[in-house]
Amino acid sequence: MSIERAPSESDLGAKVSIRLHDPAGGYRDLLGILVETNSVQKKDGSVHNFDPAQIAIWKVVPSETTMKRKK
């Protein structure tokens, strides 16, 4: 499965949800701030690297303040 667009430098600093193909089968998810095009900082402060080629799907997650304004 390929994705239309992988996270880019313009997405740095955004909160993202990334679903990765797990080499052992299935998927694993990352949720956090995109600090590099191949790494996410989780809310506990840990940074997790990933292979962009393994992305099944990803999206920018709207912040709570943005969601509150839309109500």
C-alpha atoms as a PDB file:
ATOM      1  CA  MET A   1       0.000   0.000   0.000  1.00  0.00           C
ATOM      2  CA  SER A   2       1.365   3.413  -0.858  1.00  0.00           C
ATOM      3  CA  ILE A   3       0.384   6.778   0.516  1.00  0.00           C
ATOM      4  CA  GLU A   4      -0.272   9.902  -1.519  1.00  0.00           C
ATOM      5  CA  ARG A   5       1.977  12.104   0.572  1.00  0.00           C
ATOM      6  CA  ALA A   6       4.326  11.363   3.435  1.00  0.00           C
ATOM      7  CA  PRO A   7       4.820  13.918   6.221  1.00  0.00           C
ATOM      8  CA  SER A   8       7.073  16.744   5.046  1.00  0.00           C
ATOM      9  CA  GLU A   9       9.025  19.569   6.631  1.00  0.00           C
ATOM     10  CA  SER A  10       5.921  21.772   6.383  1.00  0.00           C
ATOM     11  CA  ASP A  11       4.193  19.360   8.818  1.00  0.00           C
ATOM     12  CA  LEU A  12       6.906  19.658  11.503  1.00  0.00           C
ATOM     13  CA  GLY A  13       5.485  20.745  14.860  1.00  0.00           C
ATOM     14  CA  ALA A  14       2.006  19.402  14.081  1.00  0.00           C
ATOM     15  CA  LYS A  15       0.302  16.750  16.185  1.00  0.00           C
ATOM     16  CA  VAL A  16      -0.012  13.662  14.003  1.00  0.00           C
ATOM     17  CA  SER A  17      -1.451  10.181  14.069  1.00  0.00           C
ATOM     18  CA  ILE A  18       0.572   7.697  12.020  1.00  0.00           C
ATOM     19  CA  ARG A  19      -0.362   4.065  11.335  1.00  0.00           C
ATOM     20  CA  LEU A  20       2.625   1.937  10.359  1.00  0.00           C
ATOM     21  CA  HIS A  21       2.784  -1.514   8.816  1.00  0.00           C
ATOM     22  CA  ASP A  22       4.354  -3.765  11.451  1.00  0.00           C
ATOM     23  CA  PRO A  23       6.978  -6.097   9.948  1.00  0.00           C
ATOM     24  CA  ALA A  24       5.623  -8.899  12.166  1.00  0.00           C
ATOM     25  CA  GLY A  25       2.164  -8.366  10.669  1.00  0.00           C
ATOM     26  CA  GLY A  26      -0.621  -5.962  11.456  1.00  0.00           C
ATOM     27  CA  TYR A  27      -0.132  -2.311  12.335  1.00  0.00           C
ATOM     28  CA  ARG A  28       1.174  -0.074  15.097  1.00  0.00           C
ATOM     29  CA  ASP A  29       0.201   3.522  15.772  1.00  0.00           C
ATOM     30  CA  LEU A  30       2.157   6.596  16.769  1.00  0.00           C
ATOM     31  CA  LEU A  31       0.517   9.730  18.178  1.00  0.00           C
ATOM     32  CA  GLY A  32       2.512  12.825  18.965  1.00  0.00           C
ATOM     33  CA  ILE A  33       4.312  15.856  17.620  1.00  0.00           C
ATOM     34  CA  LEU A  34       6.176  15.433  14.348  1.00  0.00           C
ATOM     35  CA  VAL A  35       9.734  16.551  15.177  1.00  0.00           C
ATOM     36  CA  GLU A  36      11.391  15.223  12.003  1.00  0.00           C
ATOM     37  CA  THR A  37       9.907  13.734   8.858  1.00  0.00           C
ATOM     38  CA  ASN A  38      10.736  10.333  10.364  1.00  0.00           C
ATOM     39  CA  SER A  39      10.213  10.857  14.114  1.00  0.00           C
ATOM     40  CA  VAL A  40       7.414  11.667  16.549  1.00  0.00           C
ATOM     41  CA  GLN A  41       7.669  12.948  20.120  1.00  0.00           C
ATOM     42  CA  LYS A  42       5.036  11.326  22.323  1.00  0.00           C
ATOM     43  CA  LYS A  43       3.444  13.204  25.236  1.00  0.00           C
ATOM     44  CA  ASP A  44       5.751  11.441  27.712  1.00  0.00           C
ATOM     45  CA  GLY A  45       8.677  13.140  25.938  1.00  0.00           C
ATOM     46  CA  SER A  46      10.062  10.017  24.284  1.00  0.00           C
ATOM     47  CA  VAL A  47      10.963  10.277  20.596  1.00  0.00           C
ATOM     48  CA  HIS A  48      10.133   7.389  18.278  1.00  0.00           C
ATOM     49  CA  ASN A  49      11.704   7.033  14.841  1.00  0.00           C
ATOM     50  CA  PHE A  50       9.878   5.329  11.990  1.00  0.00           C
ATOM     51  CA  ASP A  51      10.482   4.413   8.376  1.00  0.00           C
ATOM     52  CA  PRO A  52       8.255   6.629   6.187  1.00  0.00           C
ATOM     53  CA  ALA A  53       8.049   3.767   3.674  1.00  0.00           C
ATOM     54  CA  GLN A  54       6.119   1.768   6.334  1.00  0.00           C
ATOM     55  CA  ILE A  55       3.311   4.366   6.676  1.00  0.00           C
ATOM     56  CA  ALA A  56      -0.110   2.902   5.883  1.00  0.00           C
ATOM     57  CA  ILE A  57      -1.970   6.149   6.603  1.00  0.00           C
ATOM     58  CA  TRP A  58      -1.406   9.333   8.577  1.00  0.00           C
ATOM     59  CA  LYS A  59      -3.118  12.620   9.384  1.00  0.00           C
ATOM     60  CA  VAL A  60      -2.646  15.868  11.247  1.00  0.00           C
ATOM     61  CA  VAL A  61      -4.740  15.810  14.432  1.00  0.00           C
ATOM     62  CA  PRO A  62      -6.611  19.065  15.152  1.00  0.00           C
ATOM     63  CA  SER A  63      -5.685  20.636  18.476  1.00  0.00           C
ATOM     64  CA  GLU A  64      -8.311  20.938  21.198  1.00  0.00           C
ATOM     65  CA  THR A  65      -8.216  24.747  20.980  1.00  0.00           C
ATOM     66  CA  THR A  66      -8.967  24.593  17.259  1.00  0.00           C
ATOM     67  CA  MET A  67     -11.856  22.199  17.903  1.00  0.00           C
ATOM     68  CA  LYS A  68     -13.291  24.435  20.650  1.00  0.00           C
ATOM     69  CA  ARG A  69     -13.334  27.468  18.330  1.00  0.00           C
ATOM     70  CA  LYS A  70     -15.353  25.567  15.724  1.00  0.00           C
ATOM     71  CA  LYS A  71     -18.166  24.741  18.172  1.00  0.00           C
END
